[in-house]
Amino acid sequence: MSDPYQKIVEKLNKMALGAPKSQKFIEYLKLYFNEGEAEIISHLDNLTTRTLTAKKVAKLAGKDPEEVKEILENLVKKGAILKQGNRYSLHAIVDYFDLPLTVPPEHVTERTKKMAQLSEDFYKEEWHDEVFSSQRPFLRVIPVEEKIQAGQKVTNADEISERLKKATHITKVRCPCRSRMELLGERKCNYPLESCLMLDFHGENYTELGLGTQLSYDEAMKWLREATEMGLVHLVENCDEGPYFFICSCCECCCMGLRGLMELNHPRAVAAANYHAIVNQETCAHCDPASSKSCVSVCKFGAATQVDGNIVIDKDKCMGCGVCAAICPTESITLKRIEREKIPPNLASLYGEISREKGRPLI
């Protein structure tokens, strides 16, 4: 019988964001589910291609339908597969990478810590090249829309509020990236651990697993404003119309996307927003650059500097996140539109473009 873990990796590697052959990732999966469970999972497919009933999985596995259904339901309960209605599918690799590390502190075990180490090693040594090798990033910065200059073109890709208004379910969960670094004792920041928003059926999934807090639209917007004022940068899927699954509030020391851009030297790890910051020098307070609340110090991308007393924004470095505008005490910074990133219309076109670039069939 072929190795079920290898079969799972082969299926994941057909997706736009794949799973390179890696012994560390195999070891990680073995901590996630046992070999008998892996054998059942290996018959599932990607959510966007085909979902399967328990009866169909049983037929493919040559096993009793009731036995297979029980195994599938147990796998759903521990977050190892997805279920919609009475049909089952694989997670995307990002979910396998992240979900086990979103457990609350009281549920952390030695197994969780081993998974944190294996996933960090896998990311740094192998996976980052797979995730960030495309010229079309799967992540983009979304700006603080209140700071966009009046009268400018604004699309769904530019508005957090519109993404949240369309969401049928919003769940705030522990950031898997920050949790991973916390478990490894390598976290350099003191940002809140519970910070990521999961939307729609992904949000429902986290809520059902007991891994998050369901929020209303107003509660979610309040949190995102607070996160911006803390200096966190919001990242979303790089598409205009959705569907949307997450809004991450990211730091540069822990979070996968910003680390890819800043630590692992992938210039296309994250797409910039189609805005850049501009400063009204007449109203600017010319804060001490060393102050923790100055635009110079809060800019994670090194785009803001002080030259001869004036604040200068490097357009090429500015990612258009608007954090500097949010913390400016005199509201002297706003966001001006600049057409620099083509935004795929929807999630299917985004991942289709990435798949074509990697020479993978559109599944």
Protein backbone atom coordinates (compact mmCIF):
# COMPACT_ATOMS: atom_id res chain seq x y z
CA MET A 1 0.00 0.00 0.00
CA SER A 2 1.33 3.46 -0.90
CA ASP A 3 2.19 5.87 1.90
CA PRO A 4 -1.03 7.82 2.68
CA TYR A 5 0.92 10.83 3.92
CA GLN A 6 2.76 11.07 0.60
CA LYS A 7 -0.57 10.83 -1.23
CA ILE A 8 -1.93 13.73 0.82
CA VAL A 9 1.17 15.83 0.04
CA GLU A 10 0.86 15.00 -3.67
CA LYS A 11 -2.75 16.21 -3.66
CA LEU A 12 -1.89 19.37 -1.77
CA ASN A 13 0.92 20.03 -4.23
CA LYS A 14 -1.58 20.24 -7.10
CA MET A 15 -2.98 23.43 -5.59
CA ALA A 16 -1.74 26.94 -6.34
CA LEU A 17 0.01 27.02 -2.96
CA GLY A 18 1.48 23.57 -2.78
CA ALA A 19 3.39 21.36 -0.36
CA PRO A 20 6.93 20.59 -1.54
CA LYS A 21 8.14 17.11 -0.66
CA SER A 22 9.52 17.53 2.82
CA GLN A 23 10.27 15.04 5.55
CA LYS A 24 9.53 17.70 8.16
CA PHE A 25 6.07 18.32 6.73
CA ILE A 26 5.43 14.56 6.73
CA GLU A 27 6.49 14.41 10.40
CA TYR A 28 4.17 17.33 11.07
CA LEU A 29 1.21 15.54 9.46
CA LYS A 30 1.97 12.40 11.46
CA LEU A 31 1.51 14.43 14.64
CA TYR A 32 -1.77 15.78 13.25
CA PHE A 33 -3.42 12.44 12.43
CA ASN A 34 -2.49 8.75 12.63
CA GLU A 35 -1.84 6.45 9.67
CA GLY A 36 -5.36 4.99 9.65
CA GLU A 37 -6.83 8.49 9.54
CA ALA A 38 -4.31 9.53 6.89
CA GLU A 39 -5.43 6.62 4.70
CA ILE A 40 -9.01 7.97 4.77
CA ILE A 41 -7.89 11.59 4.25
CA SER A 42 -5.78 10.55 1.23
CA HIS A 43 -8.99 9.84 -0.72
CA LEU A 44 -10.29 13.40 -0.28
CA ASP A 45 -9.75 16.28 -2.68
CA ASN A 46 -9.47 20.06 -2.64
CA LEU A 47 -12.60 21.97 -1.62
CA THR A 48 -12.69 23.83 -4.95
CA THR A 49 -12.56 20.70 -7.13
CA ARG A 50 -14.82 18.10 -5.61
CA THR A 51 -16.14 17.27 -2.19
CA LEU A 52 -17.06 13.71 -1.32
CA THR A 53 -19.72 12.00 0.77
CA ALA A 54 -18.73 9.47 3.42
CA LYS A 55 -20.25 6.76 1.23
CA LYS A 56 -18.02 7.72 -1.70
CA VAL A 57 -14.90 7.86 0.50
CA ALA A 58 -15.76 4.42 1.90
CA LYS A 59 -16.05 3.02 -1.62
CA LEU A 60 -12.68 4.49 -2.61
CA ALA A 61 -11.07 3.15 0.57
CA GLY A 62 -12.80 -0.23 0.37
CA LYS A 63 -14.09 0.13 3.93
CA ASP A 64 -17.39 0.00 5.79
CA PRO A 65 -19.38 3.25 5.22
CA GLU A 66 -20.37 3.64 8.88
CA GLU A 67 -16.77 3.14 10.04
CA VAL A 68 -15.54 5.69 7.51
CA LYS A 69 -18.22 8.21 8.46
CA GLU A 70 -17.20 7.96 12.12
CA ILE A 71 -13.54 8.52 11.23
CA LEU A 72 -14.42 11.50 9.01
CA GLU A 73 -16.55 13.10 11.73
CA ASN A 74 -13.73 12.69 14.27
CA LEU A 75 -11.32 14.29 11.80
CA VAL A 76 -13.71 17.22 11.35
CA LYS A 77 -13.88 17.67 15.13
CA LYS A 78 -10.12 17.98 15.42
CA GLY A 79 -9.86 20.29 12.43
CA ALA A 80 -8.02 17.88 10.12
CA ILE A 81 -10.55 18.12 7.25
CA LEU A 82 -13.42 20.35 6.14
CA LYS A 83 -17.11 19.50 6.05
CA GLN A 84 -19.86 21.32 4.16
CA GLY A 85 -23.30 19.78 4.48
CA ASN A 86 -22.71 16.03 4.24
CA ARG A 87 -19.58 16.32 2.09
CA TYR A 88 -15.90 16.36 3.03
CA SER A 89 -12.67 17.79 1.59
CA LEU A 90 -9.03 18.50 2.30
CA HIS A 91 -7.97 21.78 3.84
CA ALA A 92 -5.69 24.05 1.84
CA ILE A 93 -2.09 23.69 3.00
CA VAL A 94 -2.22 27.07 4.74
CA ASP A 95 -4.94 25.70 7.04
CA TYR A 96 -2.91 22.58 7.82
CA PHE A 97 0.03 24.86 8.57
CA ASP A 98 -1.95 27.20 10.84
CA LEU A 99 -5.01 25.63 12.41
CA PRO A 100 -3.35 23.32 15.02
CA LEU A 101 -1.52 26.31 16.51
CA THR A 102 -4.65 28.37 17.20
CA VAL A 103 -5.60 26.28 20.26
CA PRO A 104 -6.04 28.13 23.58
CA PRO A 105 -3.15 27.92 26.09
CA GLU A 106 -4.87 25.32 28.27
CA HIS A 107 -4.94 22.92 25.31
CA VAL A 108 -1.25 23.28 24.40
CA THR A 109 0.65 20.00 24.73
CA GLU A 110 4.14 18.76 23.93
CA ARG A 111 2.66 17.62 20.61
CA THR A 112 1.56 21.21 19.88
CA LYS A 113 5.08 22.47 20.61
CA LYS A 114 6.62 19.84 18.33
CA MET A 115 4.22 20.88 15.56
CA ALA A 116 5.20 24.52 16.08
CA GLN A 117 8.89 23.68 15.65
CA LEU A 118 8.36 21.45 12.62
CA SER A 119 6.14 24.01 10.90
CA GLU A 120 8.63 26.82 11.55
CA ASP A 121 11.50 24.70 10.18
CA PHE A 122 9.40 23.69 7.17
CA TYR A 123 8.49 27.32 6.48
CA LYS A 124 12.01 28.75 6.77
CA GLU A 125 13.85 25.93 5.03
CA GLU A 126 11.47 24.93 2.24
CA TRP A 127 7.92 26.24 2.09
CA HIS A 128 8.56 29.99 1.83
CA ASP A 129 10.02 29.50 -1.66
CA GLU A 130 6.83 27.71 -2.75
CA VAL A 131 4.44 30.23 -1.21
CA PHE A 132 6.19 33.40 -2.35
CA SER A 133 7.76 32.38 -5.68
CA SER A 134 4.89 33.67 -7.83
CA GLN A 135 4.90 37.14 -9.35
CA ARG A 136 1.23 37.34 -8.33
CA PRO A 137 1.20 37.46 -4.52
CA PHE A 138 -1.67 35.67 -2.81
CA LEU A 139 -1.64 38.28 -0.02
CA ARG A 140 -2.17 42.02 -0.25
CA VAL A 141 -2.08 44.96 2.14
CA ILE A 142 -5.47 46.54 2.78
CA PRO A 143 -5.34 50.18 3.89
CA VAL A 144 -7.04 52.03 6.68
CA GLU A 145 -9.90 53.32 4.57
CA GLU A 146 -10.78 56.26 6.81
CA LYS A 147 -7.40 57.75 5.85
CA ILE A 148 -7.95 57.55 2.08
CA GLN A 149 -8.25 61.04 0.60
CA ALA A 150 -11.84 62.02 -0.19
CA GLY A 151 -13.02 61.72 -3.78
CA GLN A 152 -10.65 58.91 -4.79
CA LYS A 153 -11.62 55.63 -6.44
CA VAL A 154 -12.14 52.93 -3.82
CA THR A 155 -12.75 49.25 -4.68
CA ASN A 156 -13.68 46.23 -2.56
CA ALA A 157 -9.98 45.39 -2.45
CA ASP A 158 -9.41 48.69 -0.64
CA GLU A 159 -12.18 48.45 1.96
CA ILE A 160 -12.08 46.29 5.05
CA SER A 161 -15.59 47.44 5.93
CA GLU A 162 -17.04 46.09 2.66
CA ARG A 163 -15.39 42.71 3.20
CA LEU A 164 -16.88 42.50 6.67
CA LYS A 165 -20.34 43.63 5.55
CA LYS A 166 -20.44 40.74 3.08
CA ALA A 167 -19.35 38.19 5.70
CA THR A 168 -21.99 35.77 6.97
CA HIS A 169 -19.83 34.89 9.96
CA ILE A 170 -16.85 36.60 11.63
CA THR A 171 -14.65 34.78 14.14
CA LYS A 172 -11.67 36.28 15.94
CA VAL A 173 -8.97 33.64 16.50
CA ARG A 174 -5.49 33.35 17.93
CA CYS A 175 -2.92 34.37 15.32
CA PRO A 176 -1.21 31.11 14.33
CA CYS A 177 1.99 32.94 13.39
CA ARG A 178 2.29 34.74 16.73
CA SER A 179 1.22 31.58 18.58
CA ARG A 180 3.93 29.59 16.78
CA MET A 181 6.66 32.01 17.82
CA GLU A 182 5.24 32.18 21.35
CA LEU A 183 5.40 28.38 21.67
CA LEU A 184 8.99 28.43 20.43
CA GLY A 185 9.98 31.20 22.85
CA GLU A 186 11.03 33.39 19.89
CA ARG A 187 8.31 36.06 19.85
CA LYS A 188 9.78 39.57 19.86
CA CYS A 189 6.54 41.57 19.97
CA ASN A 190 3.83 42.08 22.58
CA TYR A 191 0.87 42.39 20.20
CA PRO A 192 -2.28 40.46 21.19
CA LEU A 193 -2.29 36.77 20.32
CA GLU A 194 -5.99 36.80 19.49
CA SER A 195 -6.05 39.00 16.41
CA CYS A 196 -6.96 37.25 13.14
CA LEU A 197 -10.48 37.38 11.69
CA MET A 198 -11.80 34.31 9.87
CA LEU A 199 -14.81 34.90 7.63
CA ASP A 200 -17.82 32.97 6.32
CA PHE A 201 -17.61 29.17 6.46
CA HIS A 202 -13.96 29.35 7.58
CA GLY A 203 -15.13 31.46 10.51
CA GLU A 204 -17.96 29.02 11.21
CA ASN A 205 -15.43 26.18 11.17
CA TYR A 206 -13.24 27.87 13.79
CA THR A 207 -16.26 28.68 15.96
CA GLU A 208 -17.51 25.09 15.82
CA LEU A 209 -14.05 23.84 16.79
CA GLY A 210 -14.07 26.15 19.83
CA LEU A 211 -11.07 28.05 18.50
CA GLY A 212 -12.39 31.59 18.40
CA THR A 213 -14.90 34.23 19.42
CA GLN A 214 -17.72 35.18 17.08
CA LEU A 215 -17.92 38.94 16.49
CA SER A 216 -20.52 41.28 15.11
CA TYR A 217 -19.62 43.65 12.28
CA ASP A 218 -19.26 46.57 14.72
CA GLU A 219 -17.07 44.53 17.08
CA ALA A 220 -14.84 43.45 14.20
CA MET A 221 -14.43 47.01 12.92
CA LYS A 222 -13.64 48.24 16.45
CA TRP A 223 -10.91 45.60 16.78
CA LEU A 224 -9.37 46.43 13.40
CA ARG A 225 -9.17 50.12 14.28
CA GLU A 226 -7.50 49.23 17.60
CA ALA A 227 -5.08 46.91 15.80
CA THR A 228 -4.16 49.65 13.33
CA GLU A 229 -3.44 52.09 16.16
CA MET A 230 -1.19 49.41 17.72
CA GLY A 231 0.81 49.38 14.48
CA LEU A 232 -0.44 46.11 12.97
CA VAL A 233 -0.70 45.81 9.18
CA HIS A 234 -3.83 44.18 7.73
CA LEU A 235 -3.37 41.50 5.06
CA VAL A 236 -6.11 39.83 3.01
CA GLU A 237 -6.47 37.64 -0.08
CA ASN A 238 -5.24 39.47 -3.16
CA CYS A 239 -8.59 39.72 -4.97
CA ASP A 240 -11.38 42.24 -5.41
CA GLU A 241 -14.74 40.48 -5.22
CA GLY A 242 -13.86 37.49 -3.04
CA PRO A 243 -14.89 35.13 -1.66
CA TYR A 244 -13.02 36.36 1.40
CA PHE A 245 -11.82 34.01 4.13
CA PHE A 246 -9.58 36.06 6.45
CA ILE A 247 -8.26 39.42 7.58
CA CYS A 248 -4.91 39.09 9.34
CA SER A 249 -3.44 41.84 11.52
CA CYS A 250 0.27 41.31 11.07
CA CYS A 251 3.61 42.10 12.67
CA GLU A 252 6.97 41.77 10.99
CA CYS A 253 8.56 39.46 13.57
CA CYS A 254 6.01 36.64 13.51
CA CYS A 255 3.65 36.79 10.59
CA MET A 256 4.22 34.66 7.51
CA GLY A 257 3.55 37.30 4.86
CA LEU A 258 5.61 40.13 6.33
CA ARG A 259 8.43 37.74 7.24
CA GLY A 260 8.48 36.56 3.62
CA LEU A 261 8.82 40.16 2.48
CA MET A 262 11.24 41.46 5.09
CA GLU A 263 13.14 38.53 6.59
CA LEU A 264 13.28 36.00 3.75
CA ASN A 265 13.78 38.53 0.94
CA HIS A 266 10.80 37.79 -1.28
CA PRO A 267 9.90 41.16 -2.84
CA ARG A 268 6.61 39.71 -4.15
CA ALA A 269 5.53 38.04 -0.92
CA VAL A 270 2.82 40.67 -0.37
CA ALA A 271 1.14 43.02 -2.84
CA ALA A 272 1.11 46.67 -1.85
CA ALA A 273 -2.17 48.58 -1.58
CA ASN A 274 -2.85 50.94 -4.47
CA TYR A 275 -2.12 53.91 -2.23
CA HIS A 276 0.86 55.64 -0.73
CA ALA A 277 1.10 57.98 2.23
CA ILE A 278 1.49 61.73 1.73
CA VAL A 279 2.32 64.28 4.42
CA ASN A 280 0.98 67.80 4.89
CA GLN A 281 4.20 69.49 6.03
CA GLU A 282 2.32 72.61 7.17
CA THR A 283 0.28 70.76 9.80
CA CYS A 284 2.89 68.06 10.59
CA ALA A 285 4.05 68.17 14.23
CA HIS A 286 7.52 66.88 13.23
CA CYS A 287 7.51 64.34 16.03
CA ASP A 288 10.75 62.96 17.43
CA PRO A 289 11.56 60.04 15.09
CA ALA A 290 12.65 58.02 18.11
CA SER A 291 9.20 58.30 19.68
CA SER A 292 7.30 55.01 19.67
CA LYS A 293 4.30 56.85 18.22
CA SER A 294 6.03 58.71 15.40
CA CYS A 295 5.33 57.78 11.78
CA VAL A 296 9.03 57.06 11.32
CA SER A 297 9.12 54.47 14.09
CA VAL A 298 5.78 52.76 13.36
CA CYS A 299 6.45 52.21 9.65
CA LYS A 300 7.35 48.55 9.32
CA PHE A 301 8.69 49.05 5.80
CA GLY A 302 11.18 51.86 6.45
CA ALA A 303 9.26 54.16 4.12
CA ALA A 304 9.10 57.20 6.44
CA THR A 305 12.21 59.19 7.30
CA GLN A 306 12.87 62.68 8.66
CA VAL A 307 15.05 64.90 6.47
CA ASP A 308 15.89 68.43 7.60
CA GLY A 309 12.94 68.28 9.98
CA ASN A 310 10.42 67.22 7.34
CA ILE A 311 8.86 63.78 6.97
CA VAL A 312 9.69 62.15 3.64
CA ILE A 313 7.77 59.13 2.34
CA ASP A 314 9.58 56.77 -0.04
CA LYS A 315 6.83 55.73 -2.50
CA ASP A 316 8.73 52.62 -3.53
CA LYS A 317 8.91 51.36 0.05
CA CYS A 318 5.47 52.51 1.20
CA MET A 319 2.97 49.60 1.15
CA GLY A 320 -0.06 51.86 1.64
CA CYS A 321 -1.16 50.29 4.95
CA GLY A 322 -2.04 53.65 6.51
CA VAL A 323 -0.71 52.84 9.98
CA CYS A 324 1.29 56.07 9.97
CA ALA A 325 -1.88 58.03 9.14
CA ALA A 326 -3.82 56.33 11.91
CA ILE A 327 -1.35 57.30 14.64
CA CYS A 328 -0.54 60.82 13.39
CA PRO A 329 -1.49 63.22 16.24
CA THR A 330 -2.25 66.09 13.86
CA GLU A 331 -3.91 63.97 11.12
CA SER A 332 -1.32 65.29 8.68
CA ILE A 333 -0.94 62.01 6.77
CA THR A 334 -3.46 60.70 4.24
CA LEU A 335 -3.42 58.02 1.55
CA LYS A 336 -3.26 58.99 -2.12
CA ARG A 337 -4.21 56.52 -4.85
CA ILE A 338 -1.46 55.17 -7.09
CA GLU A 339 -2.20 52.49 -9.69
CA ARG A 340 0.64 50.04 -9.14
CA GLU A 341 -0.92 46.61 -8.53
CA LYS A 342 -3.35 44.75 -10.75
CA ILE A 343 -5.93 43.09 -8.48
CA PRO A 344 -7.42 39.77 -9.65
CA PRO A 345 -11.24 40.00 -9.69
CA ASN A 346 -11.89 36.97 -7.49
CA LEU A 347 -10.25 34.13 -5.61
CA ALA A 348 -10.56 31.66 -8.50
CA SER A 349 -8.76 34.02 -10.88
CA LEU A 350 -6.06 34.72 -8.26
CA TYR A 351 -5.21 31.07 -7.68
CA GLY A 352 -5.69 30.27 -11.36
CA GLU A 353 -3.05 32.84 -12.25
CA ILE A 354 -0.64 31.48 -9.63
CA SER A 355 -1.23 27.89 -10.83
CA ARG A 356 -0.57 28.80 -14.46
CA GLU A 357 2.63 30.59 -13.51
CA LYS A 358 3.83 27.43 -11.72
CA GLY A 359 2.80 25.19 -14.60
CA ARG A 360 0.13 23.39 -12.59
CA PRO A 361 -3.19 22.26 -14.02
CA LEU A 362 -6.18 24.41 -13.11
CA ILE A 363 -8.05 22.14 -10.73
